[in-house]
Amino acid sequence: MATDEIERMGLLSEIHFDYDSADLRESDRAVLNKNADALK
């Protein structure tokens, strides 16, 4: 598949941050765990 097709599939989920923060929230760590599994 072309990379733009893979991108449209939504294989990787976004994470969000609190105002004026770059700290990972616990719920976002779970999202990143799933993203890491997909990337592996």
Full PDB file with SEQRES, HELIX, SHEET, SSBOND, CRYST1, ORIGX, SCALE, CONECT and MASTER records, all heavy atoms in Angstrom:
SEQRES   1 A   40  MET ALA THR ASP GLU ILE GLU ARG MET GLY LEU LEU SER          
SEQRES   2 A   40  GLU ILE HIS PHE ASP TYR ASP SER ALA ASP LEU ARG GLU          
SEQRES   3 A   40  SER ASP ARG ALA VAL LEU ASN LYS ASN ALA ASP ALA LEU          
SEQRES   4 A   40  LYS                                                          
HELIX    1 AA1 THR A    3  MET A    9  1                                   7    
HELIX    2 AA2 GLU A   26  LEU A   39  1                                  14    
CRYST1    1.000    1.000    1.000  90.00  90.00  90.00 P 1           1          
ORIGX1      1.000000  0.000000  0.000000        0.00000                         
ORIGX2      0.000000  1.000000  0.000000        0.00000                         
ORIGX3      0.000000  0.000000  1.000000        0.00000                         
SCALE1      1.000000  0.000000  0.000000        0.00000                         
SCALE2      0.000000  1.000000  0.000000        0.00000                         
SCALE3      0.000000  0.000000  1.000000        0.00000                         
ATOM      1  N   MET A   1       0.828  -1.212   0.000  1.00  0.00           N  
ATOM      2  CA  MET A   1       0.000   0.000   0.000  1.00  0.00           C  
ATOM      3  C   MET A   1       0.859   1.257   0.000  1.00  0.00           C  
ATOM      4  O   MET A   1       1.961   1.276   0.544  1.00  0.00           O  
ATOM      5  CB  MET A   1      -0.909   0.027   1.239  1.00  0.00           C  
ATOM      6  CG  MET A   1      -1.992  -1.011   1.239  1.00  0.00           C  
ATOM      7  SD  MET A   1      -2.905  -1.076   2.794  1.00  0.00           S  
ATOM      8  CE  MET A   1      -3.841   0.430   2.686  1.00  0.00           C  
ATOM      9  N   ALA A   2       0.301   2.325  -0.583  1.00  0.00           N  
ATOM     10  CA  ALA A   2       0.962   3.625  -0.531  1.00  0.00           C  
ATOM     11  C   ALA A   2       0.863   4.176   0.890  1.00  0.00           C  
ATOM     12  O   ALA A   2      -0.082   3.873   1.623  1.00  0.00           O  
ATOM     13  CB  ALA A   2       0.293   4.583  -1.514  1.00  0.00           C  
ATOM     14  N   THR A   3       1.826   4.993   1.268  1.00  0.00           N  
ATOM     15  CA  THR A   3       1.838   5.515   2.633  1.00  0.00           C  
ATOM     16  C   THR A   3       0.610   6.367   2.928  1.00  0.00           C  
ATOM     17  O   THR A   3       0.105   6.338   4.045  1.00  0.00           O  
ATOM     18  CB  THR A   3       3.117   6.330   2.915  1.00  0.00           C  
ATOM     19  OG1 THR A   3       3.241   7.357   1.930  1.00  0.00           O  
ATOM     20  CG2 THR A   3       4.344   5.453   2.910  1.00  0.00           C  
ATOM     21  N   ASP A   4       0.109   7.099   1.932  1.00  0.00           N  
ATOM     22  CA  ASP A   4      -1.084   7.911   2.206  1.00  0.00           C  
ATOM     23  C   ASP A   4      -2.312   7.030   2.428  1.00  0.00           C  
ATOM     24  O   ASP A   4      -3.209   7.390   3.195  1.00  0.00           O  
ATOM     25  CB  ASP A   4      -1.331   8.941   1.102  1.00  0.00           C  
ATOM     26  CG  ASP A   4      -1.563   8.329  -0.269  1.00  0.00           C  
ATOM     27  OD1 ASP A   4      -1.045   7.240  -0.552  1.00  0.00           O  
ATOM     28  OD2 ASP A   4      -2.273   8.971  -1.081  1.00  0.00           O  
ATOM     29  N   GLU A   5      -2.357   5.862   1.811  1.00  0.00           N  
ATOM     30  CA  GLU A   5      -3.454   4.917   2.071  1.00  0.00           C  
ATOM     31  C   GLU A   5      -3.373   4.388   3.498  1.00  0.00           C  
ATOM     32  O   GLU A   5      -4.385   4.278   4.193  1.00  0.00           O  
ATOM     33  CB  GLU A   5      -3.407   3.727   1.107  1.00  0.00           C  
ATOM     34  CG  GLU A   5      -3.760   4.036  -0.322  1.00  0.00           C  
ATOM     35  CD  GLU A   5      -3.628   2.800  -1.185  1.00  0.00           C  
ATOM     36  OE1 GLU A   5      -2.490   2.390  -1.477  1.00  0.00           O  
ATOM     37  OE2 GLU A   5      -4.684   2.237  -1.544  1.00  0.00           O  
ATOM     38  N   ILE A   6      -2.167   4.043   3.927  1.00  0.00           N  
ATOM     39  CA  ILE A   6      -1.973   3.553   5.294  1.00  0.00           C  
ATOM     40  C   ILE A   6      -2.353   4.644   6.290  1.00  0.00           C  
ATOM     41  O   ILE A   6      -3.009   4.394   7.292  1.00  0.00           O  
ATOM     42  CB  ILE A   6      -0.522   3.074   5.505  1.00  0.00           C  
ATOM     43  CG1 ILE A   6      -0.217   1.897   4.579  1.00  0.00           C  
ATOM     44  CG2 ILE A   6      -0.276   2.706   6.961  1.00  0.00           C  
ATOM     45  CD1 ILE A   6       1.243   1.505   4.516  1.00  0.00           C  
ATOM     46  N   GLU A   7      -1.955   5.881   5.979  1.00  0.00           N  
ATOM     47  CA  GLU A   7      -2.283   7.017   6.840  1.00  0.00           C  
ATOM     48  C   GLU A   7      -3.800   7.158   6.983  1.00  0.00           C  
ATOM     49  O   GLU A   7      -4.312   7.354   8.086  1.00  0.00           O  
ATOM     50  CB  GLU A   7      -1.675   8.295   6.242  1.00  0.00           C  
ATOM     51  CG  GLU A   7      -2.030   9.563   6.959  1.00  0.00           C  
ATOM     52  CD  GLU A   7      -1.370   9.730   8.313  1.00  0.00           C  
ATOM     53  OE1 GLU A   7      -0.424   9.007   8.635  1.00  0.00           O  
ATOM     54  OE2 GLU A   7      -1.840  10.594   9.064  1.00  0.00           O  
ATOM     55  N   ARG A   8      -4.543   7.024   5.894  1.00  0.00           N  
ATOM     56  CA  ARG A   8      -6.008   7.169   5.935  1.00  0.00           C  
ATOM     57  C   ARG A   8      -6.681   6.028   6.697  1.00  0.00           C  
ATOM     58  O   ARG A   8      -7.798   6.175   7.169  1.00  0.00           O  
ATOM     59  CB  ARG A   8      -6.572   7.251   4.513  1.00  0.00           C  
ATOM     60  CG  ARG A   8      -6.359   8.612   3.864  1.00  0.00           C  
ATOM     61  CD  ARG A   8      -7.171   8.762   2.594  1.00  0.00           C  
ATOM     62  NE  ARG A   8      -6.900   7.765   1.592  1.00  0.00           N  
ATOM     63  CZ  ARG A   8      -5.992   7.859   0.622  1.00  0.00           C  
ATOM     64  NH1 ARG A   8      -5.243   8.942   0.531  1.00  0.00           N  
ATOM     65  NH2 ARG A   8      -5.826   6.892  -0.255  1.00  0.00           N  
ATOM     66  N   MET A   9      -6.020   4.889   6.831  1.00  0.00           N  
ATOM     67  CA  MET A   9      -6.585   3.755   7.571  1.00  0.00           C  
ATOM     68  C   MET A   9      -6.719   4.054   9.062  1.00  0.00           C  
ATOM     69  O   MET A   9      -7.485   3.400   9.762  1.00  0.00           O  
ATOM     70  CB  MET A   9      -5.705   2.510   7.424  1.00  0.00           C  
ATOM     71  CG  MET A   9      -5.760   1.858   6.079  1.00  0.00           C  
ATOM     72  SD  MET A   9      -4.587   0.487   5.982  1.00  0.00           S  
ATOM     73  CE  MET A   9      -5.115  -0.546   7.336  1.00  0.00           C  
ATOM     74  N   GLY A  10      -5.937   4.994   9.557  1.00  0.00           N  
ATOM     75  CA  GLY A  10      -5.984   5.307  10.984  1.00  0.00           C  
ATOM     76  C   GLY A  10      -5.295   4.246  11.829  1.00  0.00           C  
ATOM     77  O   GLY A  10      -5.734   3.963  12.941  1.00  0.00           O  
ATOM     78  N   LEU A  11      -4.239   3.668  11.306  1.00  0.00           N  
ATOM     79  CA  LEU A  11      -3.492   2.634  12.018  1.00  0.00           C  
ATOM     80  C   LEU A  11      -2.939   3.159  13.349  1.00  0.00           C  
ATOM     81  O   LEU A  11      -2.915   2.450  14.339  1.00  0.00           O  
ATOM     82  CB  LEU A  11      -2.352   2.128  11.128  1.00  0.00           C  
ATOM     83  CG  LEU A  11      -1.446   1.064  11.686  1.00  0.00           C  
ATOM     84  CD1 LEU A  11      -2.213  -0.244  11.872  1.00  0.00           C  
ATOM     85  CD2 LEU A  11      -0.256   0.838  10.757  1.00  0.00           C  
ATOM     86  N   LEU A  12      -2.520   4.425  13.342  1.00  0.00           N  
ATOM     87  CA  LEU A  12      -1.920   5.039  14.529  1.00  0.00           C  
ATOM     88  C   LEU A  12      -2.845   6.127  15.068  1.00  0.00           C  
ATOM     89  O   LEU A  12      -3.345   6.958  14.312  1.00  0.00           O  
ATOM     90  CB  LEU A  12      -0.556   5.627  14.180  1.00  0.00           C  
ATOM     91  CG  LEU A  12       0.428   4.631  13.547  1.00  0.00           C  
ATOM     92  CD1 LEU A  12       1.675   5.344  13.064  1.00  0.00           C  
ATOM     93  CD2 LEU A  12       0.776   3.529  14.524  1.00  0.00           C  
ATOM     94  N   SER A  13      -3.067   6.112  16.360  1.00  0.00           N  
ATOM     95  CA  SER A  13      -3.984   7.070  16.993  1.00  0.00           C  
ATOM     96  C   SER A  13      -3.229   8.259  17.560  1.00  0.00           C  
ATOM     97  O   SER A  13      -2.068   8.140  17.966  1.00  0.00           O  
ATOM     98  CB  SER A  13      -4.756   6.386  18.125  1.00  0.00           C  
ATOM     99  OG  SER A  13      -5.512   5.316  17.619  1.00  0.00           O  
ATOM    100  N   GLU A  14      -3.905   9.391  17.609  1.00  0.00           N  
ATOM    101  CA  GLU A  14      -3.328  10.607  18.183  1.00  0.00           C  
ATOM    102  C   GLU A  14      -3.396  10.564  19.706  1.00  0.00           C  
ATOM    103  O   GLU A  14      -4.206   9.847  20.285  1.00  0.00           O  
ATOM    104  CB  GLU A  14      -4.107  11.836  17.701  1.00  0.00           C  
ATOM    105  CG  GLU A  14      -3.953  12.109  16.232  1.00  0.00           C  
ATOM    106  CD  GLU A  14      -4.625  13.404  15.787  1.00  0.00           C  
ATOM    107  OE1 GLU A  14      -5.515  13.918  16.507  1.00  0.00           O  
ATOM    108  OE2 GLU A  14      -4.251  13.886  14.708  1.00  0.00           O  
ATOM    109  N   ILE A  15      -2.533  11.365  20.323  1.00  0.00           N  
ATOM    110  CA  ILE A  15      -2.611  11.582  21.765  1.00  0.00           C  
ATOM    111  C   ILE A  15      -2.823  13.073  21.989  1.00  0.00           C  
ATOM    112  O   ILE A  15      -2.572  13.891  21.097  1.00  0.00           O  
ATOM    113  CB  ILE A  15      -1.362  11.072  22.512  1.00  0.00           C  
ATOM    114  CG1 ILE A  15      -0.095  11.797  22.049  1.00  0.00           C  
ATOM    115  CG2 ILE A  15      -1.224   9.567  22.344  1.00  0.00           C  
ATOM    116  CD1 ILE A  15       1.129  11.500  22.892  1.00  0.00           C  
ATOM    117  N   HIS A  16      -3.308  13.436  23.167  1.00  0.00           N  
ATOM    118  CA  HIS A  16      -3.612  14.833  23.477  1.00  0.00           C  
ATOM    119  C   HIS A  16      -2.936  15.266  24.775  1.00  0.00           C  
ATOM    120  O   HIS A  16      -2.559  14.417  25.591  1.00  0.00           O  
ATOM    121  CB  HIS A  16      -5.131  15.020  23.566  1.00  0.00           C  
ATOM    122  CG  HIS A  16      -5.781  14.812  22.237  1.00  0.00           C  
ATOM    123  ND1 HIS A  16      -6.144  13.566  21.778  1.00  0.00           N  
ATOM    124  CD2 HIS A  16      -6.093  15.684  21.250  1.00  0.00           C  
ATOM    125  CE1 HIS A  16      -6.656  13.687  20.562  1.00  0.00           C  
ATOM    126  NE2 HIS A  16      -6.640  14.943  20.219  1.00  0.00           N  
ATOM    127  N   PHE A  17      -2.810  16.562  24.929  1.00  0.00           N  
ATOM    128  CA  PHE A  17      -2.088  17.135  26.068  1.00  0.00           C  
ATOM    129  C   PHE A  17      -2.951  18.154  26.794  1.00  0.00           C  
ATOM    130  O   PHE A  17      -3.851  18.761  26.210  1.00  0.00           O  
ATOM    131  CB  PHE A  17      -0.806  17.815  25.579  1.00  0.00           C  
ATOM    132  CG  PHE A  17       0.187  16.856  24.985  1.00  0.00           C  
ATOM    133  CD1 PHE A  17       0.141  16.533  23.633  1.00  0.00           C  
ATOM    134  CD2 PHE A  17       1.157  16.250  25.775  1.00  0.00           C  
ATOM    135  CE1 PHE A  17       1.044  15.647  23.078  1.00  0.00           C  
ATOM    136  CE2 PHE A  17       2.060  15.362  25.227  1.00  0.00           C  
ATOM    137  CZ  PHE A  17       2.007  15.051  23.874  1.00  0.00           C  
ATOM    138  N   ASP A  18      -2.622  18.342  28.054  1.00  0.00           N  
ATOM    139  CA  ASP A  18      -3.268  19.393  28.830  1.00  0.00           C  
ATOM    140  C   ASP A  18      -2.698  20.744  28.394  1.00  0.00           C  
ATOM    141  O   ASP A  18      -1.637  20.827  27.753  1.00  0.00           O  
ATOM    142  CB  ASP A  18      -3.017  19.179  30.326  1.00  0.00           C  
ATOM    143  CG  ASP A  18      -3.734  17.941  30.848  1.00  0.00           C  
ATOM    144  OD1 ASP A  18      -4.845  17.637  30.350  1.00  0.00           O  
ATOM    145  OD2 ASP A  18      -3.181  17.275  31.743  1.00  0.00           O  
ATOM    146  N   TYR A  19      -3.378  21.803  28.760  1.00  0.00           N  
ATOM    147  CA  TYR A  19      -2.951  23.160  28.419  1.00  0.00           C  
ATOM    148  C   TYR A  19      -1.541  23.428  28.950  1.00  0.00           C  
ATOM    149  O   TYR A  19      -1.217  23.107  30.091  1.00  0.00           O  
ATOM    150  CB  TYR A  19      -3.946  24.178  28.996  1.00  0.00           C  
ATOM    151  CG  TYR A  19      -3.537  25.611  28.788  1.00  0.00           C  
ATOM    152  CD1 TYR A  19      -3.551  26.169  27.512  1.00  0.00           C  
ATOM    153  CD2 TYR A  19      -3.116  26.388  29.851  1.00  0.00           C  
ATOM    154  CE1 TYR A  19      -3.166  27.488  27.316  1.00  0.00           C  
ATOM    155  CE2 TYR A  19      -2.732  27.715  29.676  1.00  0.00           C  
ATOM    156  CZ  TYR A  19      -2.749  28.253  28.395  1.00  0.00           C  
ATOM    157  OH  TYR A  19      -2.362  29.552  28.193  1.00  0.00           O  
ATOM    158  N   ASP A  20      -0.712  23.982  28.098  1.00  0.00           N  
ATOM    159  CA  ASP A  20       0.648  24.402  28.463  1.00  0.00           C  
ATOM    160  C   ASP A  20       1.472  23.250  29.044  1.00  0.00           C  
ATOM    161  O   ASP A  20       2.270  23.443  29.961  1.00  0.00           O  
ATOM    162  CB  ASP A  20       0.570  25.568  29.468  1.00  0.00           C  
ATOM    163  CG  ASP A  20       1.892  26.300  29.611  1.00  0.00           C  
ATOM    164  OD1 ASP A  20       2.658  26.344  28.623  1.00  0.00           O  
ATOM    165  OD2 ASP A  20       2.184  26.796  30.718  1.00  0.00           O  
ATOM    166  N   SER A  21       1.273  22.036  28.512  1.00  0.00           N  
ATOM    167  CA  SER A  21       1.953  20.862  29.054  1.00  0.00           C  
ATOM    168  C   SER A  21       2.447  19.952  27.929  1.00  0.00           C  
ATOM    169  O   SER A  21       1.818  19.860  26.880  1.00  0.00           O  
ATOM    170  CB  SER A  21       0.996  20.079  29.954  1.00  0.00           C  
ATOM    171  OG  SER A  21       1.578  18.865  30.367  1.00  0.00           O  
ATOM    172  N   ALA A  22       3.540  19.287  28.220  1.00  0.00           N  
ATOM    173  CA  ALA A  22       4.051  18.246  27.322  1.00  0.00           C  
ATOM    174  C   ALA A  22       4.154  16.922  28.072  1.00  0.00           C  
ATOM    175  O   ALA A  22       4.871  16.015  27.649  1.00  0.00           O  
ATOM    176  CB  ALA A  22       5.412  18.652  26.765  1.00  0.00           C  
ATOM    177  N   ASP A  23       3.421  16.811  29.189  1.00  0.00           N  
ATOM    178  CA  ASP A  23       3.431  15.583  29.984  1.00  0.00           C  
ATOM    179  C   ASP A  23       2.441  14.575  29.409  1.00  0.00           C  
ATOM    180  O   ASP A  23       1.312  14.934  29.044  1.00  0.00           O  
ATOM    181  CB  ASP A  23       3.048  15.873  31.439  1.00  0.00           C  
ATOM    182  CG  ASP A  23       4.083  16.753  32.135  1.00  0.00           C  
ATOM    183  OD1 ASP A  23       5.275  16.703  31.750  1.00  0.00           O  
ATOM    184  OD2 ASP A  23       3.689  17.498  33.056  1.00  0.00           O  
ATOM    185  N   LEU A  24       2.857  13.303  29.372  1.00  0.00           N  
ATOM    186  CA  LEU A  24       1.964  12.238  28.898  1.00  0.00           C  
ATOM    187  C   LEU A  24       0.958  11.889  29.977  1.00  0.00           C  
ATOM    188  O   LEU A  24       1.327  11.675  31.133  1.00  0.00           O  
ATOM    189  CB  LEU A  24       2.765  10.982  28.542  1.00  0.00           C  
ATOM    190  CG  LEU A  24       3.657  11.059  27.313  1.00  0.00           C  
ATOM    191  CD1 LEU A  24       4.458   9.765  27.164  1.00  0.00           C  
ATOM    192  CD2 LEU A  24       2.827  11.314  26.066  1.00  0.00           C  
ATOM    193  N   ARG A  25      -0.299  11.821  29.594  1.00  0.00           N  
ATOM    194  CA  ARG A  25      -1.338  11.359  30.505  1.00  0.00           C  
ATOM    195  C   ARG A  25      -1.386   9.836  30.448  1.00  0.00           C  
ATOM    196  O   ARG A  25      -0.951   9.224  29.466  1.00  0.00           O  
ATOM    197  CB  ARG A  25      -2.693  11.959  30.110  1.00  0.00           C  
ATOM    198  CG  ARG A  25      -2.692  13.478  30.176  1.00  0.00           C  
ATOM    199  CD  ARG A  25      -4.028  14.071  29.828  1.00  0.00           C  
ATOM    200  NE  ARG A  25      -4.317  13.888  28.411  1.00  0.00           N  
ATOM    201  CZ  ARG A  25      -5.271  14.526  27.760  1.00  0.00           C  
ATOM    202  NH1 ARG A  25      -6.041  15.392  28.386  1.00  0.00           N  
ATOM    203  NH2 ARG A  25      -5.484  14.300  26.478  1.00  0.00           N  
ATOM    204  N   GLU A  26      -1.906   9.219  31.491  1.00  0.00           N  
ATOM    205  CA  GLU A  26      -1.960   7.751  31.546  1.00  0.00           C  
ATOM    206  C   GLU A  26      -2.738   7.174  30.366  1.00  0.00           C  
ATOM    207  O   GLU A  26      -2.327   6.182  29.770  1.00  0.00           O  
ATOM    208  CB  GLU A  26      -2.566   7.295  32.877  1.00  0.00           C  
ATOM    209  CG  GLU A  26      -2.206   5.881  33.256  1.00  0.00           C  
ATOM    210  CD  GLU A  26      -0.699   5.624  33.318  1.00  0.00           C  
ATOM    211  OE1 GLU A  26       0.054   6.464  33.823  1.00  0.00           O  
ATOM    212  OE2 GLU A  26      -0.279   4.552  32.838  1.00  0.00           O  
ATOM    213  N   SER A  27      -3.850   7.791  30.005  1.00  0.00           N  
ATOM    214  CA  SER A  27      -4.652   7.298  28.876  1.00  0.00           C  
ATOM    215  C   SER A  27      -3.865   7.387  27.567  1.00  0.00           C  
ATOM    216  O   SER A  27      -4.031   6.554  26.678  1.00  0.00           O  
ATOM    217  CB  SER A  27      -5.960   8.077  28.769  1.00  0.00           C  
ATOM    218  OG  SER A  27      -5.702   9.462  28.562  1.00  0.00           O  
ATOM    219  N   ASP A  28      -3.009   8.381  27.452  1.00  0.00           N  
ATOM    220  CA  ASP A  28      -2.202   8.524  26.242  1.00  0.00           C  
ATOM    221  C   ASP A  28      -1.062   7.513  26.197  1.00  0.00           C  
ATOM    222  O   ASP A  28      -0.635   7.103  25.124  1.00  0.00           O  
ATOM    223  CB  ASP A  28      -1.676   9.951  26.122  1.00  0.00           C  
ATOM    224  CG  ASP A  28      -2.804  10.945  25.877  1.00  0.00           C  
ATOM    225  OD1 ASP A  28      -3.709  10.628  25.082  1.00  0.00           O  
ATOM    226  OD2 ASP A  28      -2.796  12.025  26.502  1.00  0.00           O  
ATOM    227  N   ARG A  29      -0.589   7.094  27.351  1.00  0.00           N  
ATOM    228  CA  ARG A  29       0.420   6.024  27.375  1.00  0.00           C  
ATOM    229  C   ARG A  29      -0.174   4.738  26.797  1.00  0.00           C  
ATOM    230  O   ARG A  29       0.499   4.014  26.061  1.00  0.00           O  
ATOM    231  CB  ARG A  29       0.917   5.774  28.803  1.00  0.00           C  
ATOM    232  CG  ARG A  29       1.779   6.882  29.348  1.00  0.00           C  
ATOM    233  CD  ARG A  29       2.209   6.588  30.803  1.00  0.00           C  
ATOM    234  NE  ARG A  29       2.742   7.758  31.435  1.00  0.00           N  
ATOM    235  CZ  ARG A  29       4.003   8.163  31.330  1.00  0.00           C  
ATOM    236  NH1 ARG A  29       4.855   7.459  30.617  1.00  0.00           N  
ATOM    237  NH2 ARG A  29       4.415   9.260  31.937  1.00  0.00           N  
ATOM    238  N   ALA A  30      -1.437   4.460  27.109  1.00  0.00           N  
ATOM    239  CA  ALA A  30      -2.101   3.268  26.552  1.00  0.00           C  
ATOM    240  C   ALA A  30      -2.203   3.377  25.030  1.00  0.00           C  
ATOM    241  O   ALA A  30      -1.994   2.390  24.312  1.00  0.00           O  
ATOM    242  CB  ALA A  30      -3.484   3.096  27.174  1.00  0.00           C  
ATOM    243  N   VAL A  31      -2.509   4.567  24.527  1.00  0.00           N  
ATOM    244  CA  VAL A  31      -2.570   4.784  23.074  1.00  0.00           C  
ATOM    245  C   VAL A  31      -1.192   4.567  22.462  1.00  0.00           C  
ATOM    246  O   VAL A  31      -1.049   3.906  21.421  1.00  0.00           O  
ATOM    247  CB  VAL A  31      -3.108   6.197  22.750  1.00  0.00           C  
ATOM    248  CG1 VAL A  31      -2.959   6.521  21.272  1.00  0.00           C  
ATOM    249  CG2 VAL A  31      -4.556   6.329  23.186  1.00  0.00           C  
ATOM    250  N   LEU A  32      -0.168   5.102  23.102  1.00  0.00           N  
ATOM    251  CA  LEU A  32       1.195   4.936  22.589  1.00  0.00           C  
ATOM    252  C   LEU A  32       1.630   3.469  22.618  1.00  0.00           C  
ATOM    253  O   LEU A  32       2.359   3.020  21.735  1.00  0.00           O  
ATOM    254  CB  LEU A  32       2.179   5.802  23.377  1.00  0.00           C  
ATOM    255  CG  LEU A  32       2.071   7.310  23.107  1.00  0.00           C  
ATOM    256  CD1 LEU A  32       2.977   8.085  24.059  1.00  0.00           C  
ATOM    257  CD2 LEU A  32       2.392   7.638  21.659  1.00  0.00           C  
ATOM    258  N   ASN A  33       1.181   2.715  23.617  1.00  0.00           N  
ATOM    259  CA  ASN A  33       1.485   1.277  23.661  1.00  0.00           C  
ATOM    260  C   ASN A  33       0.904   0.579  22.437  1.00  0.00           C  
ATOM    261  O   ASN A  33       1.566  -0.262  21.812  1.00  0.00           O  
ATOM    262  CB  ASN A  33       0.944   0.636  24.935  1.00  0.00           C  
ATOM    263  CG  ASN A  33       1.730   1.034  26.166  1.00  0.00           C  
ATOM    264  OD1 ASN A  33       2.890   1.412  26.092  1.00  0.00           O  
ATOM    265  ND2 ASN A  33       1.096   0.972  27.318  1.00  0.00           N  
ATOM    266  N   LYS A  34      -0.331   0.915  22.075  1.00  0.00           N  
ATOM    267  CA  LYS A  34      -0.962   0.325  20.884  1.00  0.00           C  
ATOM    268  C   LYS A  34      -0.247   0.774  19.610  1.00  0.00           C  
ATOM    269  O   LYS A  34      -0.050  -0.021  18.695  1.00  0.00           O  
ATOM    270  CB  LYS A  34      -2.445   0.691  20.825  1.00  0.00           C  
ATOM    271  CG  LYS A  34      -3.269  -0.011  21.871  1.00  0.00           C  
ATOM    272  CD  LYS A  34      -4.724   0.398  21.797  1.00  0.00           C  
ATOM    273  CE  LYS A  34      -5.513  -0.258  22.920  1.00  0.00           C  
ATOM    274  NZ  LYS A  34      -6.914   0.148  22.933  1.00  0.00           N  
ATOM    275  N   ASN A  35       0.121   2.041  19.555  1.00  0.00           N  
ATOM    276  CA  ASN A  35       0.858   2.529  18.390  1.00  0.00           C  
ATOM    277  C   ASN A  35       2.192   1.795  18.257  1.00  0.00           C  
ATOM    278  O   ASN A  35       2.592   1.421  17.147  1.00  0.00           O  
ATOM    279  CB  ASN A  35       1.096   4.035  18.494  1.00  0.00           C  
ATOM    280  CG  ASN A  35      -0.145   4.865  18.217  1.00  0.00           C  
ATOM    281  OD1 ASN A  35      -1.194   4.342  17.859  1.00  0.00           O  
ATOM    282  ND2 ASN A  35      -0.046   6.168  18.399  1.00  0.00           N  
ATOM    283  N   ALA A  36       2.870   1.579  19.376  1.00  0.00           N  
ATOM    284  CA  ALA A  36       4.155   0.864  19.343  1.00  0.00           C  
ATOM    285  C   ALA A  36       3.961  -0.568  18.849  1.00  0.00           C  
ATOM    286  O   ALA A  36       4.755  -1.069  18.042  1.00  0.00           O  
ATOM    287  CB  ALA A  36       4.804   0.871  20.723  1.00  0.00           C  
ATOM    288  N   ASP A  37       2.897  -1.229  19.306  1.00  0.00           N  
ATOM    289  CA  ASP A  37       2.613  -2.592  18.836  1.00  0.00           C  
ATOM    290  C   ASP A  37       2.418  -2.609  17.323  1.00  0.00           C  
ATOM    291  O   ASP A  37       2.923  -3.490  16.625  1.00  0.00           O  
ATOM    292  CB  ASP A  37       1.372  -3.163  19.533  1.00  0.00           C  
ATOM    293  CG  ASP A  37       1.606  -3.468  21.000  1.00  0.00           C  
ATOM    294  OD1 ASP A  37       2.782  -3.557  21.422  1.00  0.00           O  
ATOM    295  OD2 ASP A  37       0.606  -3.610  21.734  1.00  0.00           O  
ATOM    296  N   ALA A  38       1.665  -1.638  16.805  1.00  0.00           N  
ATOM    297  CA  ALA A  38       1.428  -1.568  15.355  1.00  0.00           C  
ATOM    298  C   ALA A  38       2.734  -1.294  14.608  1.00  0.00           C  
ATOM    299  O   ALA A  38       2.996  -1.910  13.570  1.00  0.00           O  
ATOM    300  CB  ALA A  38       0.400  -0.481  15.036  1.00  0.00           C  
ATOM    301  N   LEU A  39       3.545  -0.414  15.141  1.00  0.00           N  
ATOM    302  CA  LEU A  39       4.814  -0.107  14.476  1.00  0.00           C  
ATOM    303  C   LEU A  39       5.787  -1.285  14.519  1.00  0.00           C  
ATOM    304  O   LEU A  39       6.581  -1.474  13.596  1.00  0.00           O  
ATOM    305  CB  LEU A  39       5.452   1.142  15.098  1.00  0.00           C  
ATOM    306  CG  LEU A  39       4.722   2.446  14.782  1.00  0.00           C  
ATOM    307  CD1 LEU A  39       5.271   3.598  15.626  1.00  0.00           C  
ATOM    308  CD2 LEU A  39       4.819   2.762  13.296  1.00  0.00           C  
ATOM    309  N   LYS A  40       5.727  -2.075  15.555  1.00  0.00           N  
ATOM    310  CA  LYS A  40       6.582  -3.273  15.608  1.00  0.00           C  
ATOM    311  C   LYS A  40       6.042  -4.353  14.685  1.00  0.00           C  
ATOM    312  O   LYS A  40       6.813  -5.071  14.056  1.00  0.00           O  
ATOM    313  CB  LYS A  40       6.703  -3.775  17.051  1.00  0.00           C  
ATOM    314  CG  LYS A  40       7.570  -2.851  17.903  1.00  0.00           C  
ATOM    315  CD  LYS A  40       7.851  -3.420  19.271  1.00  0.00           C  
ATOM    316  CE  LYS A  40       6.764  -3.059  20.234  1.00  0.00           C  
ATOM    317  NZ  LYS A  40       7.065  -3.421  21.626  1.00  0.00           N  
TER     318      LYS A  40                                                      
MASTER        0    0    0    2    0    0    0    6  317    1    0    4          
END                                                                             
